[in-house]
Amino acid sequence: MVDIKLKLKKAPEFPLEADVITPDQFAGKSAAQIKKLIVYHGNEEKTLGEFFDVTGNGSEVNDIKIIIDGDLSNVKRIGEKMTGGEIIVNGNVGMHVGSKMSGGKILVNGNADDWAGAMLNGGELEITGNAGNYVGAAYRGYWKGMQNGVIKVKGKIGNEALSWVTGSKPGNRFPTLLCGSAGSFLGVHSHGGTIIVEGDCDRCIGADQVRGTIVVKGKINRILPSFKKIGEVKEIELMNGEKIKGNFIEYSGDHSVEKNHSKIDKKTGNISNSSNGRLYVAA
């Protein structure tokens, strides 16, 4: 694999739109050509070389590893729409890292801002620190968010992660999020995602969930009353066939969602549900 190294020369005064930092854009280009790629600093058109030192020449997309050093907290859209190769960010990164990517791998050795991995459709995004709101989520106005691939966040993520996630067992699409802890509305509007939380979550987890699996190994601040407790389980089978062992309480829902076709027995109050939506919380 060919290494292309970028080192931040100066922190941008305004958010820097740098969606050109992908193996796809660097493929077949020399270091001099990479420096000439266009970025946007506020409302001004600049070149990548004005902000980064660049060493190394590009080859095929899947053979390129981009290594970036510096605090990129104000640099946005790194790895956006990438289809292959690898990016390593040694430092914090700004908004939209890995958004709409469909292949390859991004490793952030630091924290990420909002919309990390938004609408991701393949590949892997790993963040060793914390991430902001809307991890893997659908952008406003879209009905489908993350559809495939894996997002791993070692620390805490913000609110509304994996909104409108859509997976398919027959289609062999298993969008998966793993994180340390999470804020509110995790997995809202889920249509088949897998979410595993090592720690605690805030409220409204799985709101409007139609299909999918959420596993919380810690505690949830408040479970929605529209989730029905099924009982205790010691093994969970995920959508992709993998299994998690432990002591969990299983819930089904969200039963407030009309399209779940939930039925309530008027005599017993029991709820039958055709949905596969499941929430597991440590017992």
Protein backbone atom coordinates (compact mmCIF):
# COMPACT_ATOMS: atom_id res chain seq x y z
CA MET A 1 0.00 0.00 0.00
CA VAL A 2 1.27 3.50 -0.92
CA ASP A 3 1.40 6.11 1.86
CA ILE A 4 0.46 9.71 1.14
CA LYS A 5 1.19 11.95 4.10
CA LEU A 6 -0.53 15.24 4.86
CA LYS A 7 0.57 17.55 7.66
CA LEU A 8 -1.51 20.56 8.65
CA LYS A 9 0.57 23.73 8.23
CA LYS A 10 -1.87 26.11 9.85
CA ALA A 11 -5.27 25.75 11.46
CA PRO A 12 -7.97 27.21 9.17
CA GLU A 13 -9.63 30.35 10.50
CA PHE A 14 -13.01 29.17 9.17
CA PRO A 15 -14.34 25.65 8.59
CA LEU A 16 -12.40 24.11 5.70
CA GLU A 17 -14.42 22.03 3.23
CA ALA A 18 -11.94 19.30 2.28
CA ASP A 19 -13.97 16.54 0.64
CA VAL A 20 -11.09 16.09 -1.82
CA ILE A 21 -9.11 14.26 0.87
CA THR A 22 -10.00 10.75 -0.25
CA PRO A 23 -8.10 7.92 -1.95
CA ASP A 24 -10.49 8.36 -4.89
CA GLN A 25 -9.37 11.96 -5.43
CA PHE A 26 -5.67 11.20 -4.87
CA ALA A 27 -5.56 8.19 -7.20
CA GLY A 28 -3.02 8.56 -10.01
CA LYS A 29 -1.89 12.03 -8.90
CA SER A 30 1.55 13.28 -7.92
CA ALA A 31 2.13 15.24 -4.71
CA ALA A 32 2.21 18.45 -6.78
CA GLN A 33 -1.16 17.65 -8.33
CA ILE A 34 -2.67 16.75 -4.97
CA LYS A 35 -1.60 20.12 -3.58
CA LYS A 36 -3.57 21.82 -6.35
CA LEU A 37 -6.87 20.14 -5.47
CA ILE A 38 -9.59 22.68 -4.59
CA VAL A 39 -10.87 23.20 -1.05
CA TYR A 40 -13.20 25.88 0.29
CA HIS A 41 -12.26 28.14 3.17
CA GLY A 42 -15.41 30.00 4.13
CA ASN A 43 -16.60 31.44 0.82
CA GLU A 44 -13.13 31.43 -0.75
CA GLU A 45 -11.68 28.86 -3.14
CA LYS A 46 -8.24 27.69 -2.02
CA THR A 47 -5.88 24.81 -2.76
CA LEU A 48 -5.09 21.90 -0.48
CA GLY A 49 -1.41 22.83 -0.52
CA GLU A 50 -2.14 26.17 1.18
CA PHE A 51 -3.11 24.26 4.33
CA PHE A 52 -1.21 20.97 4.12
CA ASP A 53 2.29 19.74 3.36
CA VAL A 54 1.92 16.74 1.04
CA THR A 55 4.37 13.91 0.43
CA GLY A 56 3.86 10.79 -1.67
CA ASN A 57 2.20 9.98 -4.97
CA GLY A 58 -1.12 8.27 -5.61
CA SER A 59 -1.62 4.89 -7.23
CA GLU A 60 -4.80 2.81 -7.46
CA VAL A 61 -7.61 3.76 -5.07
CA ASN A 62 -7.47 0.57 -3.00
CA ASP A 63 -3.68 0.81 -2.68
CA ILE A 64 -3.66 4.29 -1.15
CA LYS A 65 -3.28 5.04 2.56
CA ILE A 66 -3.64 8.71 3.50
CA ILE A 67 -2.04 9.64 6.83
CA ILE A 68 -2.96 13.07 8.22
CA ASP A 69 -1.27 14.72 11.20
CA GLY A 70 -2.61 17.76 13.04
CA ASP A 71 -5.69 19.06 14.80
CA LEU A 72 -8.35 18.90 12.09
CA SER A 73 -11.24 20.02 14.32
CA ASN A 74 -12.06 22.74 11.81
CA VAL A 75 -11.60 20.56 8.71
CA LYS A 76 -14.80 19.04 7.35
CA ARG A 77 -15.83 16.18 5.01
CA ILE A 78 -12.60 14.18 5.07
CA GLY A 79 -13.26 10.83 3.40
CA GLU A 80 -16.67 11.85 2.08
CA LYS A 81 -17.98 9.42 -0.58
CA MET A 82 -14.75 7.39 -0.58
CA THR A 83 -15.03 3.94 -2.16
CA GLY A 84 -11.77 2.28 -1.10
CA GLY A 85 -8.33 2.70 0.38
CA GLU A 86 -7.56 3.93 3.86
CA ILE A 87 -7.37 7.20 5.80
CA ILE A 88 -5.70 7.63 9.19
CA VAL A 89 -6.25 10.90 11.05
CA ASN A 90 -3.85 11.47 13.96
CA GLY A 91 -5.84 14.12 15.82
CA ASN A 92 -9.37 15.41 16.16
CA VAL A 93 -11.50 15.83 13.04
CA GLY A 94 -14.38 18.08 12.03
CA MET A 95 -17.92 17.41 10.81
CA HIS A 96 -19.03 14.84 8.21
CA VAL A 97 -15.95 12.61 8.34
CA GLY A 98 -16.67 9.52 6.23
CA SER A 99 -20.13 10.69 5.24
CA LYS A 100 -21.68 8.66 2.41
CA MET A 101 -18.58 6.45 2.14
CA SER A 102 -19.17 3.06 0.51
CA GLY A 103 -15.83 1.30 0.96
CA GLY A 104 -12.40 1.43 2.56
CA LYS A 105 -11.53 2.32 6.12
CA ILE A 106 -11.12 5.53 8.13
CA LEU A 107 -9.39 5.57 11.51
CA VAL A 108 -9.59 8.74 13.63
CA ASN A 109 -7.13 8.74 16.52
CA GLY A 110 -9.06 11.39 18.40
CA ASN A 111 -12.55 12.89 18.56
CA ALA A 112 -14.98 13.56 15.71
CA ASP A 113 -17.59 16.30 15.36
CA ASP A 114 -21.24 15.93 14.28
CA TRP A 115 -22.48 13.76 11.38
CA ALA A 116 -19.57 11.29 11.47
CA GLY A 117 -20.34 8.50 9.00
CA ALA A 118 -23.65 10.07 8.03
CA MET A 119 -25.52 7.87 5.53
CA LEU A 120 -22.58 5.47 5.38
CA ASN A 121 -23.15 2.72 2.82
CA GLY A 122 -20.14 0.45 3.29
CA GLY A 123 -16.63 0.29 4.64
CA GLU A 124 -15.56 1.01 8.20
CA LEU A 125 -15.22 4.18 10.27
CA GLU A 126 -13.41 3.90 13.61
CA ILE A 127 -13.07 6.73 16.14
CA THR A 128 -10.91 6.16 19.21
CA GLY A 129 -12.33 9.11 21.15
CA ASN A 130 -15.82 10.61 21.30
CA ALA A 131 -18.16 11.60 18.47
CA GLY A 132 -20.80 14.31 18.23
CA ASN A 133 -24.48 14.13 17.32
CA TYR A 134 -26.01 12.27 14.34
CA VAL A 135 -23.41 9.51 13.97
CA GLY A 136 -24.39 7.45 10.91
CA ALA A 137 -27.65 9.37 10.67
CA ALA A 138 -29.74 10.41 7.69
CA TYR A 139 -29.39 14.02 6.60
CA ARG A 140 -32.51 16.11 7.02
CA GLY A 141 -35.10 15.30 4.37
CA TYR A 142 -33.77 11.80 3.62
CA TRP A 143 -35.67 8.61 4.48
CA LYS A 144 -32.64 6.33 4.52
CA GLY A 145 -29.58 6.77 6.68
CA MET A 146 -26.78 4.27 7.10
CA GLN A 147 -27.40 1.19 4.91
CA ASN A 148 -24.27 -0.93 5.33
CA GLY A 149 -20.81 -0.99 6.89
CA VAL A 150 -19.54 -0.54 10.43
CA ILE A 151 -19.01 2.47 12.68
CA LYS A 152 -17.00 2.04 15.89
CA VAL A 153 -16.70 4.78 18.50
CA LYS A 154 -14.73 3.89 21.61
CA GLY A 155 -16.09 6.79 23.65
CA LYS A 156 -19.45 8.54 23.87
CA ILE A 157 -21.65 9.56 20.96
CA GLY A 158 -24.24 12.33 20.94
CA ASN A 159 -27.95 12.37 20.13
CA GLU A 160 -29.94 10.84 17.25
CA ALA A 161 -27.26 8.43 16.08
CA LEU A 162 -28.23 6.01 13.31
CA SER A 163 -31.54 7.73 12.55
CA TRP A 164 -33.41 6.06 9.66
CA VAL A 165 -30.88 3.22 9.47
CA THR A 166 -31.95 0.59 6.93
CA GLY A 167 -30.64 -2.97 6.83
CA SER A 168 -31.65 -6.12 4.99
CA LYS A 169 -30.83 -9.72 5.83
CA PRO A 170 -31.86 -10.98 2.35
CA GLY A 171 -29.86 -8.14 0.82
CA ASN A 172 -26.82 -9.00 3.00
CA ARG A 173 -26.71 -5.45 4.37
CA PHE A 174 -25.95 -5.22 8.09
CA PRO A 175 -25.33 -1.60 9.13
CA THR A 176 -23.71 -1.75 12.57
CA LEU A 177 -22.79 0.82 15.21
CA LEU A 178 -20.66 0.01 18.24
CA CYS A 179 -20.01 2.68 20.88
CA GLY A 180 -19.02 3.23 24.48
CA SER A 181 -22.11 5.21 25.53
CA ALA A 182 -24.81 7.25 23.82
CA GLY A 183 -27.14 10.23 24.16
CA SER A 184 -30.87 10.43 23.46
CA PHE A 185 -32.92 9.01 20.56
CA LEU A 186 -30.36 6.38 19.61
CA GLY A 187 -31.65 4.38 16.63
CA VAL A 188 -34.68 6.58 16.07
CA HIS A 189 -36.77 5.44 13.04
CA SER A 190 -34.69 2.25 12.72
CA HIS A 191 -35.51 -0.10 9.85
CA GLY A 192 -32.99 -2.86 10.44
CA GLY A 193 -29.81 -1.58 12.08
CA THR A 194 -27.67 -3.22 14.75
CA ILE A 195 -26.46 -1.07 17.65
CA ILE A 196 -24.28 -2.27 20.51
CA VAL A 197 -23.57 0.07 23.44
CA GLU A 198 -20.94 -0.95 25.99
CA GLY A 199 -22.12 1.54 28.61
CA ASP A 200 -25.13 3.73 29.40
CA CYS A 201 -27.65 5.62 27.24
CA ASP A 202 -29.95 8.56 27.74
CA ARG A 203 -33.70 8.49 27.03
CA CYS A 204 -35.93 7.48 24.09
CA ILE A 205 -33.71 4.70 22.75
CA GLY A 206 -35.29 2.99 19.74
CA ALA A 207 -38.10 5.51 19.32
CA ASP A 208 -40.20 4.69 16.23
CA GLN A 209 -38.15 1.52 15.68
CA VAL A 210 -39.75 -0.83 13.15
CA ARG A 211 -36.94 -3.39 12.74
CA GLY A 212 -33.48 -3.80 14.13
CA THR A 213 -31.62 -4.70 17.32
CA ILE A 214 -30.27 -2.44 20.05
CA VAL A 215 -28.11 -3.95 22.80
CA VAL A 216 -27.26 -1.81 25.84
CA LYS A 217 -24.78 -3.41 28.22
CA GLY A 218 -25.25 -0.62 30.75
CA LYS A 219 -28.37 1.32 31.77
CA ILE A 220 -30.94 3.43 29.94
CA ASN A 221 -32.05 6.62 31.63
CA ARG A 222 -35.69 6.01 30.71
CA ILE A 223 -37.17 3.26 28.53
CA LEU A 224 -40.11 4.34 26.41
CA PRO A 225 -43.47 3.08 27.76
CA SER A 226 -44.31 1.86 24.24
CA PHE A 227 -41.74 -0.94 24.60
CA LYS A 228 -43.08 -4.23 25.97
CA LYS A 229 -40.96 -6.34 28.29
CA ILE A 230 -40.68 -9.93 27.04
CA GLY A 231 -38.37 -11.48 29.64
CA GLU A 232 -34.77 -12.32 30.46
CA VAL A 233 -32.36 -13.86 27.96
CA LYS A 234 -28.77 -15.07 28.18
CA GLU A 235 -27.95 -14.99 24.48
CA ILE A 236 -28.75 -12.52 21.70
CA GLU A 237 -28.50 -13.42 18.03
CA LEU A 238 -27.80 -10.39 15.87
CA MET A 239 -29.07 -9.82 12.36
CA ASN A 240 -25.77 -11.00 10.82
CA GLY A 241 -25.83 -14.25 12.82
CA GLU A 242 -23.30 -13.24 15.48
CA LYS A 243 -24.22 -13.89 19.10
CA ILE A 244 -23.77 -11.97 22.34
CA LYS A 245 -23.85 -13.79 25.67
CA GLY A 246 -24.84 -12.22 28.98
CA ASN A 247 -27.81 -11.44 31.19
CA PHE A 248 -30.26 -9.14 29.40
CA ILE A 249 -33.88 -8.06 29.60
CA GLU A 250 -35.56 -8.24 26.20
CA TYR A 251 -38.11 -5.68 25.04
CA SER A 252 -40.06 -5.45 21.79
CA GLY A 253 -41.15 -2.26 20.11
CA ASP A 254 -41.64 0.50 19.37
CA HIS A 255 -45.35 -0.47 19.72
CA SER A 256 -46.51 3.10 19.24
CA VAL A 257 -45.50 2.81 15.58
CA GLU A 258 -48.61 2.13 13.52
CA LYS A 259 -46.72 0.40 10.72
CA ASN A 260 -45.62 -2.28 13.20
CA HIS A 261 -49.16 -3.67 12.89
CA SER A 262 -49.25 -4.17 16.65
CA LYS A 263 -52.42 -5.65 18.09
CA ILE A 264 -53.61 -5.28 21.67
CA ASP A 265 -55.84 -7.93 23.23
CA LYS A 266 -58.58 -5.93 24.92
CA LYS A 267 -59.09 -8.58 27.62
CA THR A 268 -55.49 -9.31 28.60
CA GLY A 269 -53.76 -6.13 27.45
CA ASN A 270 -51.07 -8.25 25.76
CA ILE A 271 -49.41 -6.86 22.66
CA SER A 272 -48.63 -8.96 19.60
CA ASN A 273 -46.15 -7.50 17.18
CA SER A 274 -45.10 -8.46 13.67
CA SER A 275 -42.02 -6.25 13.95
CA ASN A 276 -38.51 -7.58 14.55
CA GLY A 277 -37.61 -4.50 16.60
CA ARG A 278 -35.79 -5.55 19.77
CA LEU A 279 -34.15 -3.73 22.65
CA TYR A 280 -31.89 -5.59 25.10
CA VAL A 281 -30.74 -4.00 28.35
CA ALA A 282 -28.35 -5.49 30.90
CA ALA A 283 -30.29 -7.22 33.66
